[in-house]
């Protein structure tokens, strides 16, 4: 556990990749005049979000032993994320994704991963000491798609849990990466009852429940006894929260959204950063609402700039944004 005076560590597990984003908005990949490379991958974004807000984070995953892989590791280091949990694969490339930005700032993806380095992380390559030192262990579902990464994911979760970490799960559904919708749902749900904090988007809620109603009843169908907090993010409509003894919603901030990439990761990073320092927030509705308002602000700010990592705010930026509201 974190020693006195040292900030609690948030360890983020999973994929880091390069998004190629068209230089023009609202065009298909084929019509795009050119592309900018933008580092991404939800777990890596969360780690950087935490660090940028003044927290302490580490990333665990595998990159290709190529220029892009070393560039990504450098970006984590430059952003103050501990990198000793990163492995490099000499036989596979760093994953790439081509992202279409539609006119409303929303996205479509085309992935190059056959197989990419992140999919090849093995259980024996995990830095168990690093994982055991986590106060919060955060992960997604992309690392569950194929072996050996799936086994590495399950092992890391188990080790973190045994060491007393709070488990945080954001499924971060990317349908094109799964063999089928059924497989995606089965695997995402296969580790559902282990997590104590789960964040889903409205789209993921619909996908996982099969219901087109975004209401309390639908959300609560995903509740399980080990859960301490279930969050449903509603984009420009704010978020809903469900805890053991209370539930409610937090209003959004209205901004001019340019690119929604990384908004959910920014929200999660802000939330975990506060919870890592004090788990009792999860049982105190008034304090939790303040934290969620702060997290909503982080998400909103992130949509006002292109790309995920460059758009993640510092604490000072969030506080000044909140002062104006």
Protein backbone atom coordinates (compact mmCIF):
# COMPACT_ATOMS: atom_id res chain seq x y z
CA UNK A 1 0.00 0.00 0.00
CA UNK A 2 1.08 3.61 -0.50
CA UNK A 3 3.53 4.75 2.15
CA UNK A 4 2.84 7.90 4.13
CA UNK A 5 3.39 11.04 2.12
CA UNK A 6 3.24 9.16 -1.17
CA UNK A 7 0.13 9.53 -3.32
CA UNK A 8 -1.95 6.37 -3.82
CA UNK A 9 -1.10 4.56 -7.06
CA UNK A 10 -3.66 3.94 -9.81
CA UNK A 11 -2.57 1.16 -12.17
CA UNK A 12 -4.22 1.08 -15.58
CA UNK A 13 -4.08 -2.16 -17.58
CA UNK A 14 -4.65 -2.76 -21.28
CA UNK A 15 -3.98 -1.34 -24.70
CA UNK A 16 -2.18 1.72 -25.98
CA UNK A 17 -2.23 2.45 -29.69
CA UNK A 18 -2.03 5.15 -32.31
CA UNK A 19 -5.20 6.69 -33.70
CA UNK A 20 -4.88 8.14 -37.18
CA UNK A 21 -7.37 11.00 -37.28
CA UNK A 22 -8.41 12.70 -40.56
CA UNK A 23 -7.26 16.29 -40.96
CA UNK A 24 -10.82 17.16 -42.05
CA UNK A 25 -13.96 16.53 -39.97
CA UNK A 26 -17.10 14.91 -41.33
CA UNK A 27 -15.42 12.85 -44.07
CA UNK A 28 -15.08 9.10 -44.55
CA UNK A 29 -11.65 7.47 -44.26
CA UNK A 30 -11.48 7.14 -48.04
CA UNK A 31 -12.26 10.85 -48.54
CA UNK A 32 -9.82 12.07 -45.87
CA UNK A 33 -7.15 14.32 -47.40
CA UNK A 34 -4.62 13.30 -44.74
CA UNK A 35 -4.22 11.96 -41.20
CA UNK A 36 -2.65 13.13 -37.95
CA UNK A 37 -1.29 10.54 -35.57
CA UNK A 38 -2.79 10.75 -32.09
CA UNK A 39 -1.70 8.47 -29.24
CA UNK A 40 -4.67 6.69 -27.64
CA UNK A 41 -6.07 3.56 -26.05
CA UNK A 42 -8.53 4.02 -23.18
CA UNK A 43 -6.43 2.55 -20.32
CA UNK A 44 -3.43 4.69 -21.32
CA UNK A 45 -5.64 7.77 -21.57
CA UNK A 46 -6.93 7.12 -18.04
CA UNK A 47 -3.36 6.81 -16.69
CA UNK A 48 -2.40 10.14 -18.28
CA UNK A 49 -5.65 11.80 -17.11
CA UNK A 50 -4.79 10.81 -13.51
CA UNK A 51 -1.23 12.09 -13.78
CA UNK A 52 -2.29 15.38 -15.37
CA UNK A 53 -4.69 15.99 -12.48
CA UNK A 54 -1.79 15.60 -10.04
CA UNK A 55 -2.31 11.92 -9.19
CA UNK A 56 0.08 8.99 -9.41
CA UNK A 57 -0.44 6.39 -12.12
CA UNK A 58 1.24 3.49 -13.88
CA UNK A 59 0.41 1.71 -17.15
CA UNK A 60 0.68 -2.05 -17.68
CA UNK A 61 0.59 -3.38 -21.24
CA UNK A 62 2.60 -4.38 -24.28
CA UNK A 63 3.78 -2.30 -27.24
CA UNK A 64 5.60 -3.20 -30.42
CA UNK A 65 9.39 -2.87 -30.35
CA UNK A 66 9.02 -0.34 -33.15
CA UNK A 67 9.14 3.44 -33.56
CA UNK A 68 5.48 3.85 -32.67
CA UNK A 69 5.79 1.65 -29.56
CA UNK A 70 8.78 3.59 -28.23
CA UNK A 71 7.03 6.87 -29.08
CA UNK A 72 4.01 5.81 -26.99
CA UNK A 73 6.17 4.74 -24.04
CA UNK A 74 7.89 8.15 -24.28
CA UNK A 75 4.51 9.92 -24.19
CA UNK A 76 3.56 8.06 -21.00
CA UNK A 77 6.88 9.01 -19.37
CA UNK A 78 6.61 12.62 -20.50
CA UNK A 79 3.17 12.77 -18.88
CA UNK A 80 4.46 11.44 -15.57
CA UNK A 81 3.06 7.90 -15.88
CA UNK A 82 5.20 5.13 -14.40
CA UNK A 83 6.32 2.90 -17.28
CA UNK A 84 7.96 -0.11 -15.65
CA UNK A 85 4.90 -2.26 -16.41
CA UNK A 86 5.41 -1.86 -20.17
CA UNK A 87 6.73 -4.77 -22.25
CA UNK A 88 7.92 -4.61 -25.86
CA UNK A 89 7.26 -7.34 -28.44
CA UNK A 90 9.89 -7.83 -31.16
CA UNK A 91 7.58 -9.90 -33.36
CA UNK A 92 4.42 -7.78 -33.48
CA UNK A 93 3.62 -4.19 -34.29
CA UNK A 94 2.02 -1.52 -32.12
CA UNK A 95 -1.74 -1.39 -32.82
CA UNK A 96 -3.12 1.29 -35.14
CA UNK A 97 -6.67 2.59 -35.54
CA UNK A 98 -8.03 4.85 -38.24
CA UNK A 99 -10.75 7.03 -36.76
CA UNK A 100 -13.41 8.89 -38.69
CA UNK A 101 -14.63 12.06 -37.02
CA UNK A 102 -18.22 12.58 -38.10
CA UNK A 103 -19.63 16.11 -38.39
CA UNK A 104 -20.99 15.98 -34.80
CA UNK A 105 -17.56 15.05 -33.37
CA UNK A 106 -18.54 11.39 -32.90
CA UNK A 107 -16.36 8.54 -34.18
CA UNK A 108 -16.10 5.37 -36.26
CA UNK A 109 -13.07 3.05 -36.12
CA UNK A 110 -11.04 0.82 -38.45
CA UNK A 111 -8.37 -1.21 -36.63
CA UNK A 112 -5.04 -2.71 -37.70
CA UNK A 113 -4.35 -5.49 -35.16
CA UNK A 114 -3.49 -8.89 -36.61
CA UNK A 115 -2.14 -9.52 -34.06
CA UNK A 116 -0.79 -6.34 -32.48
CA UNK A 117 1.68 -6.35 -29.59
CA UNK A 118 -0.95 -5.51 -26.92
CA UNK A 119 -2.77 -8.79 -27.69
CA UNK A 120 0.39 -10.81 -26.96
CA UNK A 121 1.00 -9.81 -23.33
CA UNK A 122 1.56 -13.02 -21.32
CA UNK A 123 0.84 -13.61 -17.61
CA UNK A 124 4.56 -14.29 -16.97
CA UNK A 125 5.45 -10.81 -18.28
CA UNK A 126 3.40 -8.94 -15.65
CA UNK A 127 5.18 -6.79 -13.10
CA UNK A 128 3.35 -8.27 -10.10
CA UNK A 129 5.10 -6.02 -7.59
CA UNK A 130 3.80 -2.94 -9.42
CA UNK A 131 0.28 -4.39 -9.61
CA UNK A 132 0.32 -5.26 -5.89
CA UNK A 133 1.18 -1.66 -5.02
CA UNK A 134 -2.02 -0.31 -6.67
CA UNK A 135 -4.73 1.33 -4.55
CA UNK A 136 -6.97 1.22 -7.64
CA UNK A 137 -6.59 -1.22 -10.54
CA UNK A 138 -8.40 -0.08 -13.71
CA UNK A 139 -9.06 -2.01 -16.93
CA UNK A 140 -11.27 -2.33 -20.00
CA UNK A 141 -12.54 -5.26 -22.08
CA UNK A 142 -10.40 -5.10 -25.24
CA UNK A 143 -7.72 -7.07 -23.37
CA UNK A 144 -10.26 -9.94 -22.98
CA UNK A 145 -10.69 -10.57 -26.72
CA UNK A 146 -7.83 -13.03 -27.33
CA UNK A 147 -5.20 -15.13 -25.59
CA UNK A 148 -2.60 -14.74 -24.20
CA UNK A 149 -3.66 -11.20 -23.21
CA UNK A 150 -6.92 -12.44 -21.71
CA UNK A 151 -5.06 -14.70 -19.24
CA UNK A 152 -2.69 -11.85 -18.39
CA UNK A 153 -5.70 -9.61 -17.71
CA UNK A 154 -7.37 -12.18 -15.41
CA UNK A 155 -4.10 -12.80 -13.55
CA UNK A 156 -3.45 -9.07 -13.05
CA UNK A 157 -6.98 -8.55 -11.72
CA UNK A 158 -6.62 -11.44 -9.29
CA UNK A 159 -3.22 -10.21 -8.00
CA UNK A 160 -4.49 -6.64 -7.56
CA UNK A 161 -7.61 -7.82 -5.73
CA UNK A 162 -5.62 -10.08 -3.38
CA UNK A 163 -3.39 -7.12 -2.53
CA UNK A 164 -6.43 -5.04 -1.56
CA UNK A 165 -6.86 -2.80 -4.61
CA UNK A 166 -10.22 -1.40 -5.61
CA UNK A 167 -11.13 -2.83 -9.05
CA UNK A 168 -12.42 -0.36 -11.64
CA UNK A 169 -13.93 -1.45 -15.00
CA UNK A 170 -14.84 0.56 -18.09
CA UNK A 171 -15.83 -1.97 -20.78
CA UNK A 172 -15.07 0.57 -23.53
CA UNK A 173 -16.95 -1.43 -26.16
CA UNK A 174 -15.34 -1.51 -29.62
CA UNK A 175 -17.63 -3.80 -31.58
CA UNK A 176 -15.43 -4.15 -34.72
CA UNK A 177 -12.71 -5.83 -32.63
CA UNK A 178 -14.92 -8.72 -31.44
CA UNK A 179 -15.72 -11.82 -33.52
CA UNK A 180 -19.44 -11.24 -32.84
CA UNK A 181 -21.82 -9.18 -30.70
CA UNK A 182 -22.66 -12.28 -28.66
CA UNK A 183 -18.99 -12.96 -27.90
CA UNK A 184 -18.45 -9.32 -26.92
CA UNK A 185 -21.36 -9.42 -24.49
CA UNK A 186 -20.35 -12.81 -23.02
CA UNK A 187 -16.73 -11.81 -22.42
CA UNK A 188 -17.50 -8.30 -21.13
CA UNK A 189 -19.93 -9.86 -18.62
CA UNK A 190 -17.55 -12.72 -17.72
CA UNK A 191 -15.65 -10.48 -15.26
CA UNK A 192 -18.58 -8.20 -14.37
CA UNK A 193 -19.06 -9.35 -10.78
CA UNK A 194 -15.41 -8.75 -9.83
CA UNK A 195 -15.38 -4.96 -10.25
CA UNK A 196 -16.31 -2.55 -7.46
CA UNK A 197 -16.57 0.49 -9.73
CA UNK A 198 -18.09 0.16 -13.19
CA UNK A 199 -18.62 2.92 -15.71
CA UNK A 200 -20.69 2.35 -18.85
CA UNK A 201 -21.87 4.76 -21.51
CA UNK A 202 -25.53 4.93 -22.56
CA UNK A 203 -24.61 2.99 -25.74
CA UNK A 204 -22.89 0.25 -23.70
CA UNK A 205 -25.88 0.07 -21.33
CA UNK A 206 -28.15 -0.59 -24.33
CA UNK A 207 -25.72 -3.15 -25.76
CA UNK A 208 -25.30 -5.09 -22.50
CA UNK A 209 -28.95 -5.09 -21.39
CA UNK A 210 -30.67 -5.32 -24.77
CA UNK A 211 -33.02 -2.56 -23.62
CA UNK A 212 -33.43 0.72 -25.47
CA UNK A 213 -34.59 2.42 -22.27
CA UNK A 214 -31.89 4.38 -20.46
CA UNK A 215 -33.53 4.39 -17.03
CA UNK A 216 -32.83 3.33 -13.43
CA UNK A 217 -34.42 -0.08 -13.86
CA UNK A 218 -32.24 -0.91 -16.88
CA UNK A 219 -29.10 0.34 -15.13
CA UNK A 220 -29.88 -1.59 -11.94
CA UNK A 221 -30.20 -4.83 -13.93
CA UNK A 222 -26.38 -4.58 -14.16
CA UNK A 223 -25.93 -4.24 -10.39
CA UNK A 224 -24.10 -7.01 -8.51
CA UNK A 225 -23.43 -7.49 -4.76
CA UNK A 226 -19.69 -6.60 -4.90
CA UNK A 227 -20.39 -3.30 -6.64
CA UNK A 228 -19.82 -0.03 -4.79
CA UNK A 229 -20.55 2.38 -7.65
CA UNK A 230 -22.19 2.00 -11.06
CA UNK A 231 -21.96 4.99 -13.37
CA UNK A 232 -23.83 5.58 -16.60
CA UNK A 233 -22.39 8.42 -18.69
CA UNK A 234 -24.90 10.15 -20.94
CA UNK A 235 -22.62 12.33 -23.10
CA UNK A 236 -24.05 15.85 -23.26
CA UNK A 237 -26.75 14.83 -20.75
CA UNK A 238 -24.34 14.34 -17.80
CA UNK A 239 -24.21 11.11 -15.80
CA UNK A 240 -26.20 8.89 -13.46
CA UNK A 241 -24.79 7.18 -10.40
CA UNK A 242 -25.93 4.15 -8.43
CA UNK A 243 -24.44 3.21 -5.04
CA UNK A 244 -25.57 0.76 -2.34
CA UNK A 245 -27.66 3.32 -0.45
CA UNK A 246 -28.35 6.12 -2.90
CA UNK A 247 -28.66 7.02 -6.57
CA UNK A 248 -29.07 10.16 -8.62
CA UNK A 249 -27.84 12.19 -11.59
CA UNK A 250 -25.34 14.99 -12.12
CA UNK A 251 -25.97 17.68 -14.72
CA UNK A 252 -23.66 18.15 -17.69
CA UNK A 253 -21.64 21.19 -18.72
CA UNK A 254 -22.50 22.57 -22.14
CA UNK A 255 -19.47 23.20 -24.32
CA UNK A 256 -18.71 23.41 -28.02
CA UNK A 257 -17.66 19.78 -28.67
CA UNK A 258 -15.05 19.29 -31.39
CA UNK A 259 -13.97 15.69 -30.69
CA UNK A 260 -15.45 13.30 -28.11
CA UNK A 261 -12.33 11.07 -28.06
CA UNK A 262 -11.05 10.57 -24.52
CA UNK A 263 -13.95 12.33 -22.75
CA UNK A 264 -14.99 9.14 -20.94
CA UNK A 265 -11.36 8.39 -20.02
CA UNK A 266 -10.93 11.90 -18.66
CA UNK A 267 -14.10 11.43 -16.57
CA UNK A 268 -12.82 8.07 -15.23
CA UNK A 269 -9.34 9.43 -14.47
CA UNK A 270 -10.79 12.31 -12.45
CA UNK A 271 -13.12 10.01 -10.51
CA UNK A 272 -10.43 7.41 -9.71
CA UNK A 273 -7.94 10.09 -8.71
CA UNK A 274 -10.32 11.34 -5.98
CA UNK A 275 -11.47 7.86 -4.88
CA UNK A 276 -7.89 6.53 -4.60
CA UNK A 277 -7.22 9.20 -1.99
CA UNK A 278 -10.35 8.39 -0.02
CA UNK A 279 -12.51 5.29 -0.64
CA UNK A 280 -15.15 6.59 1.80
CA UNK A 281 -16.35 9.03 -0.92
CA UNK A 282 -18.20 6.01 -2.33
CA UNK A 283 -20.49 6.00 0.72
CA UNK A 284 -21.05 9.76 1.01
CA UNK A 285 -23.50 11.07 -1.58
CA UNK A 286 -22.75 14.75 -1.09
CA UNK A 287 -19.00 14.30 -1.58
CA UNK A 288 -19.52 11.85 -4.45
CA UNK A 289 -21.72 14.39 -6.27
CA UNK A 290 -18.92 16.99 -5.98
CA UNK A 291 -16.43 14.50 -7.40
CA UNK A 292 -18.79 13.61 -10.27
CA UNK A 293 -19.33 17.30 -11.06
CA UNK A 294 -15.54 17.68 -11.24
CA UNK A 295 -15.32 14.52 -13.43
CA UNK A 296 -18.09 15.85 -15.73
CA UNK A 297 -16.10 19.07 -16.12
CA UNK A 298 -13.00 17.06 -17.08
CA UNK A 299 -14.99 15.15 -19.70
CA UNK A 300 -16.53 18.34 -21.11
CA UNK A 301 -13.17 20.15 -21.37
CA UNK A 302 -11.69 17.13 -23.18
CA UNK A 303 -14.29 17.40 -25.98
CA UNK A 304 -13.30 20.99 -26.78
CA UNK A 305 -9.95 20.00 -28.39
CA UNK A 306 -8.97 17.42 -31.02
CA UNK A 307 -7.32 14.19 -29.87
CA UNK A 308 -7.56 12.56 -26.44
CA UNK A 309 -4.21 13.07 -24.71
CA UNK A 310 -3.57 16.71 -25.73
CA UNK A 311 -7.10 17.56 -24.54
CA UNK A 312 -6.90 16.01 -21.03
CA UNK A 313 -7.07 18.89 -18.53
CA UNK A 314 -4.90 19.80 -15.56
CA UNK A 315 -6.49 20.45 -12.16
CA UNK A 316 -5.95 24.21 -12.58
CA UNK A 317 -7.82 24.17 -15.91
CA UNK A 318 -10.75 22.30 -14.35
CA UNK A 319 -10.96 24.63 -11.36
CA UNK A 320 -10.91 27.71 -13.57
CA UNK A 321 -13.60 26.13 -15.83
CA UNK A 322 -15.77 25.41 -12.75
CA UNK A 323 -15.36 28.96 -11.41
CA UNK A 324 -16.91 30.32 -14.59
CA UNK A 325 -19.93 28.00 -14.37
